[in-house]
Amino acid sequence: MKRGYKVVDVFTKMPFTGNPVAVVLDAQGLTTQAMQAIANWTNLSETTFVLPPQSEEADYRLRIFTPRSELPFAGHPTLGSAHAVLEAGRATPRNGQLVQECAVGLVGLKVGGSAADRQLSFALPPARQAVLEQADRTELEAILGVAVDDIAPPMMVNVGPVWIVARVASVDQLLALQPDFGRSQVFEQRLGVTGISVFALKDDCGTDIEVRSFAASQGVNEDPVCGSGNGSVAVFRHVHGLLPSGVEDYTATQGQCVGRTGRVHVHVGADGGVEIGGQCVTTVDGFLAD
């Protein structure tokens, strides 16, 4: 059977500079085992499978896999899959919105513009967070090879995927990180987290940031540009009061260390609600045969 297949570069409008996600359209009939095998074969940070919705409120249902496991939700796959579905004519926005159904429930997406100028954003699922215990913080610093911020202690942030979030002193320090991925994999598995997202301020105003996300336990040592990681960082900044007064919007850049130039648009409402957005571009358009 031939199934529609796209690879979409997310958080960029220029091919080969963002974070690719493989999107399998017409995924009906594929078993969980087959989906996992395809995700392992594509060897991208995530591969998604588009299915008919089970909820009357949704436009489509999505299953999301890393090379090693299924995720209940993820950011760049959500945006890339919405782009693929729209481009393939599988859904039409209603009042500028799409609704994705996935394991965390219904996720709303805003759609602005069209074609190459299309902007997509999603509302991050409600987050749960907990400050990292001191022994785990010590292990985190050993994995990263640097001290993390004392003012804003590292936290586990659960938005479906669970990210350990920490801030370091400077962008130079962030870009120089060489984590111990073997040790990180054991650490992530012990705590039951998806990975580690670390950030640093880019400017004296305290708004825009640089981010790196590591997920050795998922078979992805460094995720080029991570939507759920950036969403978790936004939650972290809100909880710790790290956003300047009156600032609700900022830009995060990510991917320098793996040759990418991703740009993530982040909105943090006064109530702590987070929206993550960006542009997408299709780099592969064809079929999978199984």
Protein backbone atom coordinates (compact mmCIF):
# COMPACT_ATOMS: atom_id res chain seq x y z
CA MET A 1 0.00 0.00 0.00
CA LYS A 2 1.21 3.50 -0.79
CA ARG A 3 0.81 6.06 1.99
CA GLY A 4 1.31 9.79 1.61
CA TYR A 5 4.59 10.83 3.20
CA LYS A 6 6.19 14.20 3.84
CA VAL A 7 9.23 15.47 5.65
CA VAL A 8 8.58 18.94 7.01
CA ASP A 9 11.25 21.31 8.33
CA VAL A 10 9.81 23.11 11.36
CA PHE A 11 10.63 26.49 12.91
CA THR A 12 12.06 27.79 9.65
CA LYS A 13 10.97 28.92 6.19
CA MET A 14 14.27 27.85 4.61
CA PRO A 15 14.73 24.14 3.82
CA PHE A 16 17.32 22.20 5.82
CA THR A 17 17.70 24.80 8.58
CA GLY A 18 14.99 23.78 11.10
CA ASN A 19 13.92 20.53 12.75
CA PRO A 20 12.56 17.88 10.36
CA VAL A 21 9.60 15.67 11.21
CA ALA A 22 8.46 12.75 9.09
CA VAL A 23 4.69 12.71 8.58
CA VAL A 24 2.90 9.57 7.42
CA LEU A 25 -0.51 10.45 6.00
CA ASP A 26 -3.14 7.68 5.56
CA ALA A 27 -1.82 5.78 8.58
CA GLN A 28 -4.95 3.68 9.00
CA GLY A 29 -4.17 -0.02 9.39
CA LEU A 30 -0.66 0.43 10.74
CA THR A 31 -0.04 -1.32 14.05
CA THR A 32 1.83 0.32 16.90
CA GLN A 33 4.75 -1.99 16.15
CA ALA A 34 4.77 -0.94 12.50
CA MET A 35 4.67 2.75 13.47
CA GLN A 36 7.60 2.26 15.84
CA ALA A 37 9.55 0.40 13.13
CA ILE A 38 8.99 3.25 10.66
CA ALA A 39 10.04 5.84 13.26
CA ASN A 40 13.18 3.85 13.94
CA TRP A 41 13.84 3.68 10.18
CA THR A 42 13.41 7.41 9.53
CA ASN A 43 15.75 8.01 12.49
CA LEU A 44 14.45 11.55 12.93
CA SER A 45 13.75 12.92 16.38
CA GLU A 46 10.03 12.31 15.71
CA THR A 47 7.82 10.63 13.13
CA THR A 48 4.05 11.16 13.16
CA PHE A 49 1.08 9.20 11.87
CA VAL A 50 -2.12 10.94 10.79
CA LEU A 51 -5.37 9.10 11.51
CA PRO A 52 -9.10 9.89 11.40
CA PRO A 53 -10.24 11.68 14.57
CA GLN A 54 -12.16 9.89 17.29
CA SER A 55 -13.46 13.18 18.72
CA GLU A 56 -16.05 15.17 16.80
CA GLU A 57 -14.19 18.35 17.77
CA ALA A 58 -10.91 17.29 16.13
CA ASP A 59 -9.79 17.64 12.51
CA TYR A 60 -7.42 14.67 12.70
CA ARG A 61 -5.73 12.37 15.20
CA LEU A 62 -1.95 12.16 15.58
CA ARG A 63 0.38 9.54 17.02
CA ILE A 64 3.96 10.64 17.66
CA PHE A 65 7.04 8.40 17.89
CA THR A 66 10.72 8.93 18.59
CA PRO A 67 13.11 6.25 17.27
CA ARG A 68 12.58 4.40 20.58
CA SER A 69 9.13 5.16 21.97
CA GLU A 70 5.74 6.83 21.57
CA LEU A 71 5.16 10.33 22.99
CA PRO A 72 1.78 11.65 24.21
CA PHE A 73 2.55 15.07 22.72
CA ALA A 74 5.43 16.96 21.12
CA GLY A 75 5.79 20.48 19.77
CA HIS A 76 7.58 20.50 16.43
CA PRO A 77 5.71 17.34 15.28
CA THR A 78 2.43 19.11 16.05
CA LEU A 79 3.34 22.10 13.87
CA GLY A 80 4.93 20.03 11.09
CA SER A 81 2.01 17.62 10.93
CA ALA A 82 -0.50 20.47 10.78
CA HIS A 83 1.51 21.95 7.89
CA ALA A 84 1.50 18.57 6.11
CA VAL A 85 -2.23 18.03 6.64
CA LEU A 86 -3.05 21.50 5.33
CA GLU A 87 -0.73 21.19 2.33
CA ALA A 88 -2.21 17.80 1.43
CA GLY A 89 -5.76 19.14 1.69
CA ARG A 90 -6.67 16.72 4.49
CA ALA A 91 -8.13 19.46 6.68
CA THR A 92 -9.36 23.04 6.36
CA PRO A 93 -9.03 25.61 9.15
CA ARG A 94 -12.25 26.66 10.79
CA ASN A 95 -12.13 30.31 11.81
CA GLY A 96 -8.35 30.18 11.47
CA GLN A 97 -7.96 27.14 13.69
CA LEU A 98 -7.28 23.41 13.57
CA VAL A 99 -7.81 20.91 16.37
CA GLN A 100 -5.38 18.01 16.75
CA GLU A 101 -6.33 14.97 18.77
CA CYS A 102 -3.46 13.11 20.46
CA ALA A 103 -2.71 11.20 23.65
CA VAL A 104 -2.86 14.33 25.86
CA GLY A 105 -6.27 15.24 24.43
CA LEU A 106 -7.24 18.03 22.07
CA VAL A 107 -4.61 20.58 21.05
CA GLY A 108 -5.72 23.79 19.35
CA LEU A 109 -3.63 25.32 16.57
CA LYS A 110 -3.87 28.82 15.14
CA VAL A 111 -3.32 29.16 11.38
CA GLY A 112 -2.31 32.49 9.91
CA GLY A 113 -1.38 33.27 6.30
CA SER A 114 -0.98 30.65 3.60
CA ALA A 115 1.59 28.72 1.58
CA ALA A 116 5.15 29.97 2.21
CA ASP A 117 3.90 32.71 4.54
CA ARG A 118 1.84 30.40 6.76
CA GLN A 119 2.37 30.82 10.50
CA LEU A 120 1.29 28.06 12.85
CA SER A 121 1.09 28.03 16.63
CA PHE A 122 -0.30 25.73 19.29
CA ALA A 123 -1.44 26.13 22.86
CA LEU A 124 0.82 24.13 25.16
CA PRO A 125 -1.07 21.56 27.26
CA PRO A 126 -1.39 22.52 30.93
CA ALA A 127 1.96 22.00 32.66
CA ARG A 128 2.94 20.39 35.95
CA GLN A 129 6.29 21.21 37.48
CA ALA A 130 8.51 20.25 40.41
CA VAL A 131 11.87 21.59 41.54
CA LEU A 132 14.71 19.12 41.09
CA GLU A 133 16.07 17.65 44.33
CA GLN A 134 19.59 18.69 45.29
CA ALA A 135 21.16 15.30 44.55
CA ASP A 136 19.61 15.30 41.08
CA ARG A 137 20.71 18.88 40.50
CA THR A 138 24.28 17.83 41.35
CA GLU A 139 24.03 14.99 38.84
CA LEU A 140 22.60 17.36 36.21
CA GLU A 141 25.57 19.69 36.64
CA ALA A 142 27.95 16.74 36.33
CA ILE A 143 26.24 15.68 33.09
CA LEU A 144 26.39 19.20 31.64
CA GLY A 145 29.84 19.99 32.98
CA VAL A 146 28.78 23.44 34.26
CA ALA A 147 26.95 24.99 37.19
CA VAL A 148 23.33 26.00 36.62
CA ASP A 149 21.52 29.08 37.88
CA ASP A 150 21.06 29.37 41.67
CA ILE A 151 18.33 32.00 41.42
CA ALA A 152 16.11 29.78 39.26
CA PRO A 153 16.66 26.17 40.40
CA PRO A 154 16.22 23.42 37.80
CA MET A 155 12.74 21.98 37.45
CA MET A 156 10.99 19.03 35.88
CA VAL A 157 8.24 20.40 33.63
CA ASN A 158 5.59 17.99 32.38
CA VAL A 159 3.70 19.06 29.24
CA GLY A 160 3.20 15.49 27.96
CA PRO A 161 6.91 15.10 27.35
CA VAL A 162 8.76 15.80 30.61
CA TRP A 163 11.77 18.13 30.40
CA ILE A 164 14.32 19.02 33.02
CA VAL A 165 14.84 22.76 32.50
CA ALA A 166 17.80 24.81 33.70
CA ARG A 167 19.44 28.16 32.93
CA VAL A 168 23.17 28.74 32.51
CA ALA A 169 25.13 31.95 32.76
CA SER A 170 25.72 32.86 29.11
CA VAL A 171 25.10 31.88 25.51
CA ASP A 172 28.81 31.16 25.09
CA GLN A 173 28.66 28.71 27.98
CA LEU A 174 25.49 27.14 26.57
CA LEU A 175 26.97 26.63 23.10
CA ALA A 176 30.14 25.11 24.57
CA LEU A 177 28.25 22.37 26.45
CA GLN A 178 29.37 18.81 25.71
CA PRO A 179 27.03 16.68 27.83
CA ASP A 180 27.89 13.17 28.94
CA PHE A 181 25.13 11.45 26.95
CA GLY A 182 25.68 7.99 28.43
CA ARG A 183 25.30 9.36 31.93
CA SER A 184 22.38 11.50 30.80
CA GLN A 185 20.52 8.50 29.43
CA VAL A 186 20.72 6.73 32.79
CA PHE A 187 19.68 9.94 34.58
CA GLU A 188 16.69 10.54 32.30
CA GLN A 189 15.50 6.95 32.59
CA ARG A 190 15.80 6.97 36.37
CA LEU A 191 13.70 10.14 36.66
CA GLY A 192 11.26 9.14 33.91
CA VAL A 193 11.89 12.29 31.87
CA THR A 194 12.13 12.87 28.13
CA GLY A 195 15.29 14.95 28.25
CA ILE A 196 17.06 18.12 29.35
CA SER A 197 16.47 21.64 27.97
CA VAL A 198 18.98 24.34 28.88
CA PHE A 199 18.82 28.03 27.99
CA ALA A 200 20.66 31.33 28.34
CA LEU A 201 19.68 34.97 27.82
CA LYS A 202 20.71 36.55 24.52
CA ASP A 203 20.28 40.18 25.46
CA ASP A 204 20.49 42.57 28.39
CA CYS A 205 16.73 43.11 28.25
CA GLY A 206 16.18 39.56 29.47
CA THR A 207 13.72 38.56 26.74
CA ASP A 208 15.11 36.55 23.81
CA ILE A 209 16.99 33.34 24.56
CA GLU A 210 19.15 30.58 23.06
CA VAL A 211 18.11 27.00 23.82
CA ARG A 212 19.59 23.50 23.56
CA SER A 213 17.62 20.28 24.15
CA PHE A 214 19.15 16.85 24.83
CA ALA A 215 17.20 13.56 24.88
CA ALA A 216 19.69 10.70 24.97
CA SER A 217 17.11 8.33 26.45
CA GLN A 218 14.96 8.81 23.32
CA GLY A 219 17.82 8.09 20.93
CA VAL A 220 18.20 11.82 20.15
CA ASN A 221 21.37 13.22 21.72
CA GLU A 222 20.49 16.76 20.61
CA ASP A 223 17.10 17.81 19.25
CA PRO A 224 17.77 20.54 16.65
CA VAL A 225 14.76 22.77 17.50
CA CYS A 226 12.35 21.54 20.15
CA GLY A 227 8.78 22.80 20.55
CA SER A 228 7.87 21.07 23.82
CA GLY A 229 11.34 21.87 25.20
CA ASN A 230 10.83 25.56 24.42
CA GLY A 231 7.33 25.39 25.87
CA SER A 232 8.76 23.91 29.07
CA VAL A 233 11.38 26.67 29.18
CA ALA A 234 8.57 29.24 28.87
CA VAL A 235 6.73 27.62 31.80
CA PHE A 236 9.99 27.66 33.80
CA ARG A 237 10.55 31.37 33.06
CA HIS A 238 6.98 32.24 34.07
CA VAL A 239 7.07 30.21 37.30
CA HIS A 240 10.42 31.73 38.34
CA GLY A 241 9.41 35.27 37.34
CA LEU A 242 12.21 35.51 34.78
CA LEU A 243 10.30 37.47 32.16
CA PRO A 244 10.56 41.28 32.35
CA SER A 245 7.40 43.03 33.50
CA GLY A 246 4.87 43.39 30.70
CA VAL A 247 6.70 41.05 28.31
CA GLU A 248 4.49 38.31 26.87
CA ASP A 249 6.28 37.54 23.61
CA TYR A 250 9.86 36.57 22.84
CA THR A 251 11.91 34.62 20.31
CA ALA A 252 14.05 31.57 21.09
CA THR A 253 16.78 30.48 18.69
CA GLN A 254 18.03 26.92 18.64
CA GLY A 255 20.16 24.56 16.58
CA GLN A 256 23.52 26.33 16.14
CA CYS A 257 25.49 23.37 17.44
CA VAL A 258 23.94 21.01 14.88
CA GLY A 259 24.01 23.39 11.91
CA ARG A 260 20.45 24.73 12.17
CA THR A 261 18.95 28.20 12.56
CA GLY A 262 15.55 27.52 14.12
CA ARG A 263 13.39 30.38 15.38
CA VAL A 264 10.62 29.69 17.89
CA HIS A 265 7.99 32.34 18.64
CA VAL A 266 6.81 32.12 22.24
CA HIS A 267 3.83 33.79 23.89
CA VAL A 268 3.33 33.61 27.67
CA GLY A 269 0.02 34.95 28.91
CA ALA A 270 -0.49 36.63 32.26
CA ASP A 271 -2.08 33.39 33.49
CA GLY A 272 0.99 31.37 32.47
CA GLY A 273 -0.61 29.88 29.39
CA VAL A 274 2.00 29.27 26.69
CA GLU A 275 1.74 29.32 22.89
CA ILE A 276 4.55 28.07 20.65
CA GLY A 277 4.71 29.01 16.98
CA GLY A 278 6.78 29.24 13.84
CA GLN A 279 6.94 28.56 10.14
CA CYS A 280 7.32 25.27 8.27
CA VAL A 281 8.52 24.13 4.85
CA THR A 282 8.17 20.75 3.12
CA THR A 283 11.47 19.17 2.04
CA VAL A 284 10.24 15.69 0.96
CA ASP A 285 6.88 14.93 -0.65
CA GLY A 286 6.04 11.41 -1.79
CA PHE A 287 4.86 8.00 -0.64
CA LEU A 288 5.81 5.18 1.68
CA ALA A 289 5.20 1.68 0.39
CA ASP A 290 4.45 -1.11 2.84
